[in-house]
Amino acid sequence: MLHQKGKRLQVVAIRERWRIDDEWWRDPISREYYALVLENGRPVILFRDLVAGGWYGQ
């Protein structure tokens, strides 16, 4: 289930999942990305920040 603009939408498919770990010598970046398809057919990309925590849309 995804909450978007006050609406709850069902995730019907996870098309792809990937992880990026980069710039460890500065400020570490570690993110897990998901390419999703929602019940209304709309594709979205979300990522979870594994360093600071939290979910974000792109």
PDB file of N, CA and C in Angstrom:
ATOM      1  N   MET A   1       0.857  -1.167   0.000  1.00  0.00           N
ATOM      2  CA  MET A   1       0.000   0.000   0.000  1.00  0.00           C
ATOM      3  C   MET A   1       0.902   1.229   0.000  1.00  0.00           C
ATOM      4  N   LEU A   2       0.553   2.195  -0.820  1.00  0.00           N
ATOM      5  CA  LEU A   2       1.313   3.431  -0.933  1.00  0.00           C
ATOM      6  C   LEU A   2       0.377   4.608  -0.699  1.00  0.00           C
ATOM      7  N   HIS A   3       0.806   5.559   0.111  1.00  0.00           N
ATOM      8  CA  HIS A   3       0.026   6.766   0.365  1.00  0.00           C
ATOM      9  C   HIS A   3       0.582   7.864  -0.515  1.00  0.00           C
ATOM     10  N   GLN A   4      -0.282   8.424  -1.370  1.00  0.00           N
ATOM     11  CA  GLN A   4       0.157   9.453  -2.308  1.00  0.00           C
ATOM     12  C   GLN A   4      -0.906  10.528  -2.412  1.00  0.00           C
ATOM     13  N   LYS A   5      -0.544  11.745  -2.033  1.00  0.00           N
ATOM     14  CA  LYS A   5      -1.460  12.895  -2.091  1.00  0.00           C
ATOM     15  C   LYS A   5      -2.783  12.607  -1.393  1.00  0.00           C
ATOM     16  N   GLY A   6      -2.696  12.021  -0.215  1.00  0.00           N
ATOM     17  CA  GLY A   6      -3.883  11.751   0.577  1.00  0.00           C
ATOM     18  C   GLY A   6      -4.667  10.515   0.157  1.00  0.00           C
ATOM     19  N   LYS A   7      -4.212   9.803  -0.872  1.00  0.00           N
ATOM     20  CA  LYS A   7      -4.895   8.586  -1.337  1.00  0.00           C
ATOM     21  C   LYS A   7      -4.043   7.368  -1.022  1.00  0.00           C
ATOM     22  N   ARG A   8      -4.723   6.266  -0.807  1.00  0.00           N
ATOM     23  CA  ARG A   8      -4.036   4.988  -0.613  1.00  0.00           C
ATOM     24  C   ARG A   8      -4.168   4.183  -1.893  1.00  0.00           C
ATOM     25  N   LEU A   9      -3.040   3.792  -2.448  1.00  0.00           N
ATOM     26  CA  LEU A   9      -3.032   3.029  -3.689  1.00  0.00           C
ATOM     27  C   LEU A   9      -2.294   1.711  -3.492  1.00  0.00           C
ATOM     28  N   GLN A  10      -2.850   0.672  -4.051  1.00  0.00           N
ATOM     29  CA  GLN A  10      -2.263  -0.664  -3.967  1.00  0.00           C
ATOM     30  C   GLN A  10      -1.123  -0.793  -4.970  1.00  0.00           C
ATOM     31  N   VAL A  11      -0.028  -1.394  -4.546  1.00  0.00           N
ATOM     32  CA  VAL A  11       1.083  -1.721  -5.442  1.00  0.00           C
ATOM     33  C   VAL A  11       0.750  -3.073  -6.072  1.00  0.00           C
ATOM     34  N   VAL A  12       0.692  -3.117  -7.408  1.00  0.00           N
ATOM     35  CA  VAL A  12       0.333  -4.365  -8.086  1.00  0.00           C
ATOM     36  C   VAL A  12       1.548  -5.107  -8.629  1.00  0.00           C
ATOM     37  N   ALA A  13       2.679  -4.405  -8.775  1.00  0.00           N
ATOM     38  CA  ALA A  13       3.877  -5.077  -9.278  1.00  0.00           C
ATOM     39  C   ALA A  13       5.132  -4.310  -8.877  1.00  0.00           C
ATOM     40  N   ILE A  14       6.178  -5.075  -8.613  1.00  0.00           N
ATOM     41  CA  ILE A  14       7.510  -4.511  -8.448  1.00  0.00           C
ATOM     42  C   ILE A  14       8.269  -4.911  -9.703  1.00  0.00           C
ATOM     43  N   ARG A  15       8.542  -3.927 -10.558  1.00  0.00           N
ATOM     44  CA  ARG A  15       9.182  -4.228 -11.840  1.00  0.00           C
ATOM     45  C   ARG A  15      10.690  -4.400 -11.716  1.00  0.00           C
ATOM     46  N   GLU A  16      11.281  -3.647 -10.791  1.00  0.00           N
ATOM     47  CA  GLU A  16      12.730  -3.714 -10.649  1.00  0.00           C
ATOM     48  C   GLU A  16      13.120  -3.231  -9.261  1.00  0.00           C
ATOM     49  N   ARG A  17      14.243  -3.727  -8.774  1.00  0.00           N
ATOM     50  CA  ARG A  17      14.792  -3.305  -7.484  1.00  0.00           C
ATOM     51  C   ARG A  17      16.301  -3.244  -7.635  1.00  0.00           C
ATOM     52  N   TRP A  18      16.909  -2.137  -7.162  1.00  0.00           N
ATOM     53  CA  TRP A  18      18.355  -2.024  -7.231  1.00  0.00           C
ATOM     54  C   TRP A  18      18.864  -1.184  -6.074  1.00  0.00           C
ATOM     55  N   ARG A  19      20.155  -1.296  -5.833  1.00  0.00           N
ATOM     56  CA  ARG A  19      20.761  -0.599  -4.700  1.00  0.00           C
ATOM     57  C   ARG A  19      21.977   0.186  -5.176  1.00  0.00           C
ATOM     58  N   ILE A  20      22.153   1.369  -4.586  1.00  0.00           N
ATOM     59  CA  ILE A  20      23.302   2.222  -4.886  1.00  0.00           C
ATOM     60  C   ILE A  20      24.014   2.552  -3.580  1.00  0.00           C
ATOM     61  N   ASP A  21      25.298   2.254  -3.550  1.00  0.00           N
ATOM     62  CA  ASP A  21      26.171   2.622  -2.440  1.00  0.00           C
ATOM     63  C   ASP A  21      27.322   3.410  -3.056  1.00  0.00           C
ATOM     64  N   ASP A  22      27.476   4.667  -2.643  1.00  0.00           N
ATOM     65  CA  ASP A  22      28.450   5.515  -3.309  1.00  0.00           C
ATOM     66  C   ASP A  22      28.984   6.595  -2.372  1.00  0.00           C
ATOM     67  N   GLU A  23      30.071   7.205  -2.783  1.00  0.00           N
ATOM     68  CA  GLU A  23      30.698   8.341  -2.112  1.00  0.00           C
ATOM     69  C   GLU A  23      30.988   8.084  -0.644  1.00  0.00           C
ATOM     70  N   TRP A  24      31.488   6.921  -0.332  1.00  0.00           N
ATOM     71  CA  TRP A  24      31.816   6.576   1.038  1.00  0.00           C
ATOM     72  C   TRP A  24      32.898   7.486   1.610  1.00  0.00           C
ATOM     73  N   TRP A  25      33.725   8.090   0.761  1.00  0.00           N
ATOM     74  CA  TRP A  25      34.820   8.960   1.227  1.00  0.00           C
ATOM     75  C   TRP A  25      34.322  10.345   1.635  1.00  0.00           C
ATOM     76  N   ARG A  26      33.114  10.703   1.292  1.00  0.00           N
ATOM     77  CA  ARG A  26      32.512  11.984   1.689  1.00  0.00           C
ATOM     78  C   ARG A  26      31.389  11.711   2.673  1.00  0.00           C
ATOM     79  N   ASP A  27      30.185  11.938   2.207  1.00  0.00           N
ATOM     80  CA  ASP A  27      28.990  11.577   2.961  1.00  0.00           C
ATOM     81  C   ASP A  27      28.448  10.304   2.333  1.00  0.00           C
ATOM     82  N   PRO A  28      28.326   9.262   3.100  1.00  0.00           N
ATOM     83  CA  PRO A  28      27.882   7.999   2.500  1.00  0.00           C
ATOM     84  C   PRO A  28      26.479   8.092   1.900  1.00  0.00           C
ATOM     85  N   ILE A  29      26.325   7.457   0.761  1.00  0.00           N
ATOM     86  CA  ILE A  29      25.024   7.338   0.100  1.00  0.00           C
ATOM     87  C   ILE A  29      24.729   5.852  -0.028  1.00  0.00           C
ATOM     88  N   SER A  30      23.627   5.455   0.524  1.00  0.00           N
ATOM     89  CA  SER A  30      23.194   4.068   0.419  1.00  0.00           C
ATOM     90  C   SER A  30      21.685   4.081   0.262  1.00  0.00           C
ATOM     91  N   ARG A  31      21.236   3.711  -0.920  1.00  0.00           N
ATOM     92  CA  ARG A  31      19.804   3.759  -1.239  1.00  0.00           C
ATOM     93  C   ARG A  31      19.357   2.470  -1.915  1.00  0.00           C
ATOM     94  N   GLU A  32      18.135   2.088  -1.610  1.00  0.00           N
ATOM     95  CA  GLU A  32      17.508   0.943  -2.248  1.00  0.00           C
ATOM     96  C   GLU A  32      16.318   1.459  -3.054  1.00  0.00           C
ATOM     97  N   TYR A  33      16.356   1.275  -4.365  1.00  0.00           N
ATOM     98  CA  TYR A  33      15.338   1.793  -5.274  1.00  0.00           C
ATOM     99  C   TYR A  33      14.345   0.704  -5.672  1.00  0.00           C
ATOM    100  N   TYR A  34      13.100   1.145  -5.924  1.00  0.00           N
ATOM    101  CA  TYR A  34      12.043   0.243  -6.375  1.00  0.00           C
ATOM    102  C   TYR A  34      11.275   0.902  -7.514  1.00  0.00           C
ATOM    103  N   ALA A  35      11.129   0.209  -8.619  1.00  0.00           N
ATOM    104  CA  ALA A  35      10.260   0.645  -9.712  1.00  0.00           C
ATOM    105  C   ALA A  35       8.953  -0.130  -9.549  1.00  0.00           C
ATOM    106  N   LEU A  36       7.877   0.587  -9.246  1.00  0.00           N
ATOM    107  CA  LEU A  36       6.591  -0.025  -8.921  1.00  0.00           C
ATOM    108  C   LEU A  36       5.527   0.322  -9.948  1.00  0.00           C
ATOM    109  N   VAL A  37       4.474  -0.493  -9.983  1.00  0.00           N
ATOM    110  CA  VAL A  37       3.274  -0.189 -10.755  1.00  0.00           C
ATOM    111  C   VAL A  37       2.118  -0.158  -9.764  1.00  0.00           C
ATOM    112  N   LEU A  38       1.371   0.940  -9.788  1.00  0.00           N
ATOM    113  CA  LEU A  38       0.238   1.095  -8.874  1.00  0.00           C
ATOM    114  C   LEU A  38      -1.038   0.562  -9.500  1.00  0.00           C
ATOM    115  N   GLU A  39      -2.075   0.411  -8.691  1.00  0.00           N
ATOM    116  CA  GLU A  39      -3.356  -0.144  -9.154  1.00  0.00           C
ATOM    117  C   GLU A  39      -3.980   0.657 -10.288  1.00  0.00           C
ATOM    118  N   ASN A  40      -3.665   1.958 -10.374  1.00  0.00           N
ATOM    119  CA  ASN A  40      -4.208   2.781 -11.456  1.00  0.00           C
ATOM    120  C   ASN A  40      -3.343   2.719 -12.716  1.00  0.00           C
ATOM    121  N   GLY A  41      -2.314   1.846 -12.695  1.00  0.00           N
ATOM    122  CA  GLY A  41      -1.448   1.667 -13.853  1.00  0.00           C
ATOM    123  C   GLY A  41      -0.249   2.597 -13.895  1.00  0.00           C
ATOM    124  N   ARG A  42      -0.202   3.523 -12.971  1.00  0.00           N
ATOM    125  CA  ARG A  42       0.873   4.511 -12.968  1.00  0.00           C
ATOM    126  C   ARG A  42       2.175   3.900 -12.453  1.00  0.00           C
ATOM    127  N   PRO A  43       3.277   4.093 -13.189  1.00  0.00           N
ATOM    128  CA  PRO A  43       4.573   3.632 -12.689  1.00  0.00           C
ATOM    129  C   PRO A  43       5.178   4.694 -11.763  1.00  0.00           C
ATOM    130  N   VAL A  44       5.828   4.261 -10.700  1.00  0.00           N
ATOM    131  CA  VAL A  44       6.511   5.177  -9.784  1.00  0.00           C
ATOM    132  C   VAL A  44       7.852   4.572  -9.386  1.00  0.00           C
ATOM    133  N   ILE A  45       8.786   5.452  -9.039  1.00  0.00           N
ATOM    134  CA  ILE A  45      10.073   5.014  -8.510  1.00  0.00           C
ATOM    135  C   ILE A  45      10.221   5.601  -7.114  1.00  0.00           C
ATOM    136  N   LEU A  46      10.454   4.718  -6.161  1.00  0.00           N
ATOM    137  CA  LEU A  46      10.675   5.112  -4.776  1.00  0.00           C
ATOM    138  C   LEU A  46      12.057   4.649  -4.358  1.00  0.00           C
ATOM    139  N   PHE A  47      12.621   5.358  -3.385  1.00  0.00           N
ATOM    140  CA  PHE A  47      13.843   4.832  -2.795  1.00  0.00           C
ATOM    141  C   PHE A  47      13.813   4.990  -1.290  1.00  0.00           C
ATOM    142  N   ARG A  48      14.515   4.070  -0.651  1.00  0.00           N
ATOM    143  CA  ARG A  48      14.659   4.092   0.798  1.00  0.00           C
ATOM    144  C   ARG A  48      16.095   4.496   1.106  1.00  0.00           C
ATOM    145  N   ASP A  49      16.255   5.568   1.870  1.00  0.00           N
ATOM    146  CA  ASP A  49      17.574   6.023   2.280  1.00  0.00           C
ATOM    147  C   ASP A  49      18.023   5.143   3.434  1.00  0.00           C
ATOM    148  N   LEU A  50      19.039   4.342   3.201  1.00  0.00           N
ATOM    149  CA  LEU A  50      19.499   3.394   4.208  1.00  0.00           C
ATOM    150  C   LEU A  50      20.437   4.029   5.228  1.00  0.00           C
ATOM    151  N   VAL A  51      20.893   5.247   4.980  1.00  0.00           N
ATOM    152  CA  VAL A  51      21.762   5.949   5.920  1.00  0.00           C
ATOM    153  C   VAL A  51      20.917   6.758   6.902  1.00  0.00           C
ATOM    154  N   ALA A  52      20.082   7.636   6.366  1.00  0.00           N
ATOM    155  CA  ALA A  52      19.282   8.540   7.214  1.00  0.00           C
ATOM    156  C   ALA A  52      17.915   7.964   7.562  1.00  0.00           C
ATOM    157  N   GLY A  53      17.480   6.972   6.825  1.00  0.00           N
ATOM    158  CA  GLY A  53      16.147   6.420   7.018  1.00  0.00           C
ATOM    159  C   GLY A  53      15.133   7.217   6.218  1.00  0.00           C
ATOM    160  N   GLY A  54      13.975   6.668   6.008  1.00  0.00           N
ATOM    161  CA  GLY A  54      12.908   7.351   5.286  1.00  0.00           C
ATOM    162  C   GLY A  54      12.766   6.888   3.845  1.00  0.00           C
ATOM    163  N   TRP A  55      11.584   7.141   3.316  1.00  0.00           N
ATOM    164  CA  TRP A  55      11.225   6.798   1.938  1.00  0.00           C
ATOM    165  C   TRP A  55      10.988   8.069   1.143  1.00  0.00           C
ATOM    166  N   TYR A  56      11.367   8.037  -0.136  1.00  0.00           N
ATOM    167  CA  TYR A  56      11.257   9.220  -1.006  1.00  0.00           C
ATOM    168  C   TYR A  56      10.827   8.789  -2.400  1.00  0.00           C
ATOM    169  N   GLY A  57      10.068   9.664  -3.064  1.00  0.00           N
ATOM    170  CA  GLY A  57       9.669   9.436  -4.445  1.00  0.00           C
ATOM    171  C   GLY A  57      10.572  10.206  -5.392  1.00  0.00           C
ATOM    172  N   GLN A  58      10.669   9.703  -6.593  1.00  0.00           N
ATOM    173  CA  GLN A  58      11.460  10.388  -7.620  1.00  0.00           C
ATOM    174  C   GLN A  58      10.587  10.820  -8.741  1.00  0.00           C
TER     175      GLN A  58
END
